[in-house]
Amino acid sequence: MSCTVCTVLPVRNAWIAECGRNRQGPYLSKGMALRVAAVEAQALRQRGNNVRIAVQDESGDVSAEYCLCNRFKHATRRLAN
């Protein structure tokens, strides 16, 4: 089974939460976009989907990632609001 990625990404002066093809936002803070992505990811996981949350920085690199399907947590940098 493939893994759905719920990504929090910066867009201009705001943040977007994108889960699969579903995009929500823009939000004024990274924290709010992360909360939205977490709720969406949890809903997908409860329906039996493999899912992970990824946070991108301004350059498009993943700065943190949390996999809900394997209970694996990996953070390369601390998240800031």
PDB file of N, CA and C in Angstrom:
ATOM      1  N   MET A   1       0.854  -1.180   0.000  1.00  0.00           N
ATOM      2  CA  MET A   1       0.000   0.000   0.000  1.00  0.00           C
ATOM      3  C   MET A   1       0.894   1.236   0.000  1.00  0.00           C
ATOM      4  N   SER A   2       0.536   2.209  -0.818  1.00  0.00           N
ATOM      5  CA  SER A   2       1.318   3.437  -0.880  1.00  0.00           C
ATOM      6  C   SER A   2       1.070   4.295   0.359  1.00  0.00           C
ATOM      7  N   CYS A   3       1.920   5.267   0.558  1.00  0.00           N
ATOM      8  CA  CYS A   3       1.846   6.142   1.729  1.00  0.00           C
ATOM      9  C   CYS A   3       1.388   7.530   1.284  1.00  0.00           C
ATOM     10  N   THR A   4       0.307   8.019   1.886  1.00  0.00           N
ATOM     11  CA  THR A   4      -0.161   9.371   1.625  1.00  0.00           C
ATOM     12  C   THR A   4       0.659  10.336   2.455  1.00  0.00           C
ATOM     13  N   VAL A   5       1.134  11.404   1.850  1.00  0.00           N
ATOM     14  CA  VAL A   5       1.923  12.399   2.560  1.00  0.00           C
ATOM     15  C   VAL A   5       1.053  13.624   2.819  1.00  0.00           C
ATOM     16  N   CYS A   6       0.990  14.024   4.079  1.00  0.00           N
ATOM     17  CA  CYS A   6       0.350  15.283   4.457  1.00  0.00           C
ATOM     18  C   CYS A   6       1.483  16.270   4.690  1.00  0.00           C
ATOM     19  N   THR A   7       1.590  17.249   3.812  1.00  0.00           N
ATOM     20  CA  THR A   7       2.718  18.174   3.834  1.00  0.00           C
ATOM     21  C   THR A   7       2.288  19.551   4.304  1.00  0.00           C
ATOM     22  N   VAL A   8       3.106  20.121   5.160  1.00  0.00           N
ATOM     23  CA  VAL A   8       2.953  21.516   5.582  1.00  0.00           C
ATOM     24  C   VAL A   8       4.023  22.287   4.836  1.00  0.00           C
ATOM     25  N   LEU A   9       3.590  23.272   4.031  1.00  0.00           N
ATOM     26  CA  LEU A   9       4.572  23.984   3.225  1.00  0.00           C
ATOM     27  C   LEU A   9       4.308  25.479   3.204  1.00  0.00           C
ATOM     28  N   PRO A  10       5.393  26.252   3.144  1.00  0.00           N
ATOM     29  CA  PRO A  10       5.238  27.707   3.090  1.00  0.00           C
ATOM     30  C   PRO A  10       4.875  28.160   1.677  1.00  0.00           C
ATOM     31  N   VAL A  11       3.947  29.110   1.604  1.00  0.00           N
ATOM     32  CA  VAL A  11       3.553  29.715   0.334  1.00  0.00           C
ATOM     33  C   VAL A  11       3.429  31.210   0.574  1.00  0.00           C
ATOM     34  N   ARG A  12       4.324  31.959  -0.017  1.00  0.00           N
ATOM     35  CA  ARG A  12       4.399  33.406   0.185  1.00  0.00           C
ATOM     36  C   ARG A  12       4.562  33.707   1.676  1.00  0.00           C
ATOM     37  N   ASN A  13       3.633  34.414   2.274  1.00  0.00           N
ATOM     38  CA  ASN A  13       3.723  34.739   3.708  1.00  0.00           C
ATOM     39  C   ASN A  13       2.748  33.907   4.525  1.00  0.00           C
ATOM     40  N   ALA A  14       2.436  32.701   4.065  1.00  0.00           N
ATOM     41  CA  ALA A  14       1.450  31.861   4.732  1.00  0.00           C
ATOM     42  C   ALA A  14       1.900  30.403   4.664  1.00  0.00           C
ATOM     43  N   TRP A  15       1.039  29.515   5.191  1.00  0.00           N
ATOM     44  CA  TRP A  15       1.326  28.082   5.225  1.00  0.00           C
ATOM     45  C   TRP A  15       0.130  27.313   4.682  1.00  0.00           C
ATOM     46  N   ILE A  16       0.411  26.220   3.975  1.00  0.00           N
ATOM     47  CA  ILE A  16      -0.601  25.352   3.376  1.00  0.00           C
ATOM     48  C   ILE A  16      -0.472  23.968   4.000  1.00  0.00           C
ATOM     49  N   ALA A  17      -1.612  23.297   4.199  1.00  0.00           N
ATOM     50  CA  ALA A  17      -1.633  21.888   4.598  1.00  0.00           C
ATOM     51  C   ALA A  17      -2.155  21.108   3.396  1.00  0.00           C
ATOM     52  N   GLU A  18      -1.356  20.183   2.893  1.00  0.00           N
ATOM     53  CA  GLU A  18      -1.708  19.430   1.694  1.00  0.00           C
ATOM     54  C   GLU A  18      -1.633  17.937   2.000  1.00  0.00           C
ATOM     55  N   CYS A  19      -2.764  17.244   1.916  1.00  0.00           N
ATOM     56  CA  CYS A  19      -2.824  15.798   2.151  1.00  0.00           C
ATOM     57  C   CYS A  19      -3.293  15.123   0.876  1.00  0.00           C
ATOM     58  N   GLY A  20      -2.371  14.429   0.227  1.00  0.00           N
ATOM     59  CA  GLY A  20      -2.709  13.840  -1.064  1.00  0.00           C
ATOM     60  C   GLY A  20      -3.054  14.951  -2.040  1.00  0.00           C
ATOM     61  N   ARG A  21      -4.263  14.932  -2.563  1.00  0.00           N
ATOM     62  CA  ARG A  21      -4.697  15.975  -3.505  1.00  0.00           C
ATOM     63  C   ARG A  21      -5.503  17.074  -2.832  1.00  0.00           C
ATOM     64  N   ASN A  22      -5.741  16.941  -1.544  1.00  0.00           N
ATOM     65  CA  ASN A  22      -6.540  17.909  -0.796  1.00  0.00           C
ATOM     66  C   ASN A  22      -5.642  18.996  -0.211  1.00  0.00           C
ATOM     67  N   ARG A  23      -5.867  20.238  -0.595  1.00  0.00           N
ATOM     68  CA  ARG A  23      -5.062  21.369  -0.123  1.00  0.00           C
ATOM     69  C   ARG A  23      -5.934  22.306   0.692  1.00  0.00           C
ATOM     70  N   GLN A  24      -5.474  22.662   1.897  1.00  0.00           N
ATOM     71  CA  GLN A  24      -6.221  23.566   2.771  1.00  0.00           C
ATOM     72  C   GLN A  24      -5.334  24.733   3.177  1.00  0.00           C
ATOM     73  N   GLY A  25      -5.946  25.882   3.329  1.00  0.00           N
ATOM     74  CA  GLY A  25      -5.218  27.074   3.701  1.00  0.00           C
ATOM     75  C   GLY A  25      -5.420  28.133   2.646  1.00  0.00           C
ATOM     76  N   PRO A  26      -4.704  29.187   2.724  1.00  0.00           N
ATOM     77  CA  PRO A  26      -3.505  29.420   3.539  1.00  0.00           C
ATOM     78  C   PRO A  26      -3.835  29.783   4.988  1.00  0.00           C
ATOM     79  N   TYR A  27      -2.877  29.459   5.863  1.00  0.00           N
ATOM     80  CA  TYR A  27      -2.952  29.779   7.281  1.00  0.00           C
ATOM     81  C   TYR A  27      -1.830  30.751   7.622  1.00  0.00           C
ATOM     82  N   LEU A  28      -2.065  31.587   8.611  1.00  0.00           N
ATOM     83  CA  LEU A  28      -1.066  32.587   8.995  1.00  0.00           C
ATOM     84  C   LEU A  28       0.128  31.996   9.728  1.00  0.00           C
ATOM     85  N   SER A  29      -0.047  30.823  10.366  1.00  0.00           N
ATOM     86  CA  SER A  29       1.069  30.244  11.120  1.00  0.00           C
ATOM     87  C   SER A  29       1.348  28.809  10.683  1.00  0.00           C
ATOM     88  N   LYS A  30       2.579  28.408  10.836  1.00  0.00           N
ATOM     89  CA  LYS A  30       2.971  27.034  10.565  1.00  0.00           C
ATOM     90  C   LYS A  30       2.260  26.097  11.536  1.00  0.00           C
ATOM     91  N   GLY A  31       2.098  26.549  12.779  1.00  0.00           N
ATOM     92  CA  GLY A  31       1.444  25.730  13.789  1.00  0.00           C
ATOM     93  C   GLY A  31       0.018  25.356  13.409  1.00  0.00           C
ATOM     94  N   MET A  32      -0.737  26.300  12.886  1.00  0.00           N
ATOM     95  CA  MET A  32      -2.114  26.010  12.486  1.00  0.00           C
ATOM     96  C   MET A  32      -2.141  25.045  11.302  1.00  0.00           C
ATOM     97  N   ALA A  33      -1.281  25.257  10.323  1.00  0.00           N
ATOM     98  CA  ALA A  33      -1.219  24.345   9.179  1.00  0.00           C
ATOM     99  C   ALA A  33      -0.814  22.942   9.630  1.00  0.00           C
ATOM    100  N   LEU A  34       0.083  22.851  10.602  1.00  0.00           N
ATOM    101  CA  LEU A  34       0.503  21.557  11.123  1.00  0.00           C
ATOM    102  C   LEU A  34      -0.648  20.863  11.844  1.00  0.00           C
ATOM    103  N   ARG A  35      -1.433  21.612  12.587  1.00  0.00           N
ATOM    104  CA  ARG A  35      -2.604  21.028  13.263  1.00  0.00           C
ATOM    105  C   ARG A  35      -3.601  20.471  12.243  1.00  0.00           C
ATOM    106  N   VAL A  36      -3.853  21.229  11.182  1.00  0.00           N
ATOM    107  CA  VAL A  36      -4.779  20.783  10.139  1.00  0.00           C
ATOM    108  C   VAL A  36      -4.241  19.520   9.472  1.00  0.00           C
ATOM    109  N   ALA A  37      -2.955  19.499   9.152  1.00  0.00           N
ATOM    110  CA  ALA A  37      -2.349  18.324   8.529  1.00  0.00           C
ATOM    111  C   ALA A  37      -2.421  17.115   9.456  1.00  0.00           C
ATOM    112  N   ALA A  38      -2.208  17.327  10.755  1.00  0.00           N
ATOM    113  CA  ALA A  38      -2.263  16.225  11.722  1.00  0.00           C
ATOM    114  C   ALA A  38      -3.668  15.641  11.821  1.00  0.00           C
ATOM    115  N   VAL A  39      -4.681  16.492  11.828  1.00  0.00           N
ATOM    116  CA  VAL A  39      -6.065  16.011  11.877  1.00  0.00           C
ATOM    117  C   VAL A  39      -6.399  15.217  10.615  1.00  0.00           C
ATOM    118  N   GLU A  40      -6.010  15.730   9.472  1.00  0.00           N
ATOM    119  CA  GLU A  40      -6.253  15.023   8.208  1.00  0.00           C
ATOM    120  C   GLU A  40      -5.510  13.692   8.178  1.00  0.00           C
ATOM    121  N   ALA A  41      -4.255  13.689   8.625  1.00  0.00           N
ATOM    122  CA  ALA A  41      -3.456  12.463   8.636  1.00  0.00           C
ATOM    123  C   ALA A  41      -4.073  11.423   9.566  1.00  0.00           C
ATOM    124  N   GLN A  42      -4.519  11.844  10.724  1.00  0.00           N
ATOM    125  CA  GLN A  42      -5.138  10.921  11.665  1.00  0.00           C
ATOM    126  C   GLN A  42      -6.417  10.324  11.093  1.00  0.00           C
ATOM    127  N   ALA A  43      -7.212  11.127  10.410  1.00  0.00           N
ATOM    128  CA  ALA A  43      -8.445  10.629   9.789  1.00  0.00           C
ATOM    129  C   ALA A  43      -8.128   9.589   8.707  1.00  0.00           C
ATOM    130  N   LEU A  44      -7.105   9.863   7.915  1.00  0.00           N
ATOM    131  CA  LEU A  44      -6.693   8.898   6.892  1.00  0.00           C
ATOM    132  C   LEU A  44      -6.203   7.610   7.526  1.00  0.00           C
ATOM    133  N   ARG A  45      -5.430   7.726   8.602  1.00  0.00           N
ATOM    134  CA  ARG A  45      -4.883   6.553   9.291  1.00  0.00           C
ATOM    135  C   ARG A  45      -5.999   5.707   9.893  1.00  0.00           C
ATOM    136  N   GLN A  46      -7.005   6.363  10.452  1.00  0.00           N
ATOM    137  CA  GLN A  46      -8.131   5.635  11.043  1.00  0.00           C
ATOM    138  C   GLN A  46      -8.918   4.867   9.990  1.00  0.00           C
ATOM    139  N   ARG A  47      -8.843   5.312   8.740  1.00  0.00           N
ATOM    140  CA  ARG A  47      -9.495   4.595   7.641  1.00  0.00           C
ATOM    141  C   ARG A  47      -8.592   3.505   7.062  1.00  0.00           C
ATOM    142  N   GLY A  48      -7.428   3.291   7.698  1.00  0.00           N
ATOM    143  CA  GLY A  48      -6.538   2.208   7.293  1.00  0.00           C
ATOM    144  C   GLY A  48      -5.475   2.572   6.292  1.00  0.00           C
ATOM    145  N   ASN A  49      -5.324   3.852   5.971  1.00  0.00           N
ATOM    146  CA  ASN A  49      -4.298   4.282   5.017  1.00  0.00           C
ATOM    147  C   ASN A  49      -2.954   4.461   5.705  1.00  0.00           C
ATOM    148  N   ASN A  50      -1.886   4.175   4.989  1.00  0.00           N
ATOM    149  CA  ASN A  50      -0.552   4.537   5.450  1.00  0.00           C
ATOM    150  C   ASN A  50      -0.385   6.028   5.208  1.00  0.00           C
ATOM    151  N   VAL A  51       0.117   6.745   6.187  1.00  0.00           N
ATOM    152  CA  VAL A  51       0.207   8.203   6.059  1.00  0.00           C
ATOM    153  C   VAL A  51       1.379   8.733   6.873  1.00  0.00           C
ATOM    154  N   ARG A  52       1.972   9.800   6.370  1.00  0.00           N
ATOM    155  CA  ARG A  52       3.032  10.485   7.116  1.00  0.00           C
ATOM    156  C   ARG A  52       2.850  11.982   6.966  1.00  0.00           C
ATOM    157  N   ILE A  53       3.357  12.716   7.949  1.00  0.00           N
ATOM    158  CA  ILE A  53       3.308  14.172   7.939  1.00  0.00           C
ATOM    159  C   ILE A  53       4.717  14.671   7.666  1.00  0.00           C
ATOM    160  N   ALA A  54       4.851  15.601   6.739  1.00  0.00           N
ATOM    161  CA  ALA A  54       6.144  16.189   6.414  1.00  0.00           C
ATOM    162  C   ALA A  54       6.019  17.711   6.458  1.00  0.00           C
ATOM    163  N   VAL A  55       7.060  18.360   6.958  1.00  0.00           N
ATOM    164  CA  VAL A  55       7.104  19.821   7.011  1.00  0.00           C
ATOM    165  C   VAL A  55       8.242  20.283   6.117  1.00  0.00           C
ATOM    166  N   GLN A  56       7.934  21.156   5.177  1.00  0.00           N
ATOM    167  CA  GLN A  56       8.947  21.697   4.278  1.00  0.00           C
ATOM    168  C   GLN A  56       9.389  23.080   4.740  1.00  0.00           C
ATOM    169  N   ASP A  57      10.641  23.408   4.452  1.00  0.00           N
ATOM    170  CA  ASP A  57      11.117  24.761   4.716  1.00  0.00           C
ATOM    171  C   ASP A  57      10.971  25.592   3.440  1.00  0.00           C
ATOM    172  N   GLU A  58      11.432  26.818   3.476  1.00  0.00           N
ATOM    173  CA  GLU A  58      11.265  27.735   2.349  1.00  0.00           C
ATOM    174  C   GLU A  58      11.948  27.264   1.075  1.00  0.00           C
ATOM    175  N   SER A  59      12.991  26.440   1.192  1.00  0.00           N
ATOM    176  CA  SER A  59      13.698  25.946   0.010  1.00  0.00           C
ATOM    177  C   SER A  59      13.070  24.678  -0.558  1.00  0.00           C
ATOM    178  N   GLY A  60      12.019  24.149   0.111  1.00  0.00           N
ATOM    179  CA  GLY A  60      11.357  22.945  -0.361  1.00  0.00           C
ATOM    180  C   GLY A  60      11.903  21.662   0.230  1.00  0.00           C
ATOM    181  N   ASP A  61      12.935  21.766   1.078  1.00  0.00           N
ATOM    182  CA  ASP A  61      13.493  20.588   1.741  1.00  0.00           C
ATOM    183  C   ASP A  61      12.608  20.180   2.913  1.00  0.00           C
ATOM    184  N   VAL A  62      12.512  18.886   3.180  1.00  0.00           N
ATOM    185  CA  VAL A  62      11.754  18.397   4.322  1.00  0.00           C
ATOM    186  C   VAL A  62      12.585  18.631   5.579  1.00  0.00           C
ATOM    187  N   SER A  63      12.043  19.415   6.507  1.00  0.00           N
ATOM    188  CA  SER A  63      12.764  19.724   7.741  1.00  0.00           C
ATOM    189  C   SER A  63      12.361  18.814   8.893  1.00  0.00           C
ATOM    190  N   ALA A  64      11.193  18.181   8.803  1.00  0.00           N
ATOM    191  CA  ALA A  64      10.732  17.226   9.816  1.00  0.00           C
ATOM    192  C   ALA A  64       9.724  16.290   9.180  1.00  0.00           C
ATOM    193  N   GLU A  65       9.680  15.057   9.688  1.00  0.00           N
ATOM    194  CA  GLU A  65       8.752  14.073   9.155  1.00  0.00           C
ATOM    195  C   GLU A  65       8.311  13.140  10.269  1.00  0.00           C
ATOM    196  N   TYR A  66       7.038  12.771  10.240  1.00  0.00           N
ATOM    197  CA  TYR A  66       6.485  11.850  11.234  1.00  0.00           C
ATOM    198  C   TYR A  66       5.637  10.832  10.496  1.00  0.00           C
ATOM    199  N   CYS A  67       5.982   9.564  10.620  1.00  0.00           N
ATOM    200  CA  CYS A  67       5.266   8.494   9.935  1.00  0.00           C
ATOM    201  C   CYS A  67       4.259   7.858  10.891  1.00  0.00           C
ATOM    202  N   LEU A  68       2.986   7.911  10.543  1.00  0.00           N
ATOM    203  CA  LEU A  68       1.948   7.314  11.379  1.00  0.00           C
ATOM    204  C   LEU A  68       1.783   5.821  11.130  1.00  0.00           C
ATOM    205  N   CYS A  69       2.227   5.333   9.961  1.00  0.00           N
ATOM    206  CA  CYS A  69       1.997   3.924   9.637  1.00  0.00           C
ATOM    207  C   CYS A  69       2.966   3.000  10.371  1.00  0.00           C
ATOM    208  N   ASN A  70       4.170   3.423  10.626  1.00  0.00           N
ATOM    209  CA  ASN A  70       5.152   2.569  11.293  1.00  0.00           C
ATOM    210  C   ASN A  70       5.515   3.051  12.689  1.00  0.00           C
ATOM    211  N   ARG A  71       4.815   4.067  13.157  1.00  0.00           N
ATOM    212  CA  ARG A  71       5.124   4.666  14.457  1.00  0.00           C
ATOM    213  C   ARG A  71       6.596   5.068  14.529  1.00  0.00           C
ATOM    214  N   PHE A  72       7.084   5.604  13.420  1.00  0.00           N
ATOM    215  CA  PHE A  72       8.470   6.037  13.304  1.00  0.00           C
ATOM    216  C   PHE A  72       8.510   7.545  13.324  1.00  0.00           C
ATOM    217  N   LYS A  73       9.388   8.098  14.142  1.00  0.00           N
ATOM    218  CA  LYS A  73       9.502   9.543  14.226  1.00  0.00           C
ATOM    219  C   LYS A  73      10.929   9.936  13.885  1.00  0.00           C
ATOM    220  N   HIS A  74      11.022  10.924  12.997  1.00  0.00           N
ATOM    221  CA  HIS A  74      12.333  11.422  12.601  1.00  0.00           C
ATOM    222  C   HIS A  74      12.201  12.934  12.421  1.00  0.00           C
ATOM    223  N   ALA A  75      12.997  13.661  13.137  1.00  0.00           N
ATOM    224  CA  ALA A  75      12.983  15.127  12.978  1.00  0.00           C
ATOM    225  C   ALA A  75      14.408  15.585  12.766  1.00  0.00           C
ATOM    226  N   THR A  76      14.635  16.304  11.685  1.00  0.00           N
ATOM    227  CA  THR A  76      15.970  16.800  11.408  1.00  0.00           C
ATOM    228  C   THR A  76      16.207  18.148  12.078  1.00  0.00           C
ATOM    229  N   ARG A  77      15.135  18.883  12.313  1.00  0.00           N
ATOM    230  CA  ARG A  77      15.217  20.162  13.003  1.00  0.00           C
ATOM    231  C   ARG A  77      13.991  20.318  13.879  1.00  0.00           C
ATOM    232  N   ARG A  78      14.110  21.118  14.878  1.00  0.00           N
ATOM    233  CA  ARG A  78      12.981  21.366  15.770  1.00  0.00           C
ATOM    234  C   ARG A  78      11.976  22.285  15.062  1.00  0.00           C
ATOM    235  N   LEU A  79      10.695  21.961  15.172  1.00  0.00           N
ATOM    236  CA  LEU A  79       9.652  22.765  14.550  1.00  0.00           C
ATOM    237  C   LEU A  79       9.444  24.034  15.328  1.00  0.00           C
ATOM    238  N   ALA A  80       9.267  25.126  14.610  1.00  0.00           N
ATOM    239  CA  ALA A  80       8.989  26.425  15.234  1.00  0.00           C
ATOM    240  C   ALA A  80       7.668  26.942  14.706  1.00  0.00           C
ATOM    241  N   ASN A  81       6.925  27.626  15.559  1.00  0.00           N
ATOM    242  CA  ASN A  81       5.643  28.210  15.112  1.00  0.00           C
ATOM    243  C   ASN A  81       5.859  29.543  14.485  1.00  0.00           C
TER     244      ASN A  81
END
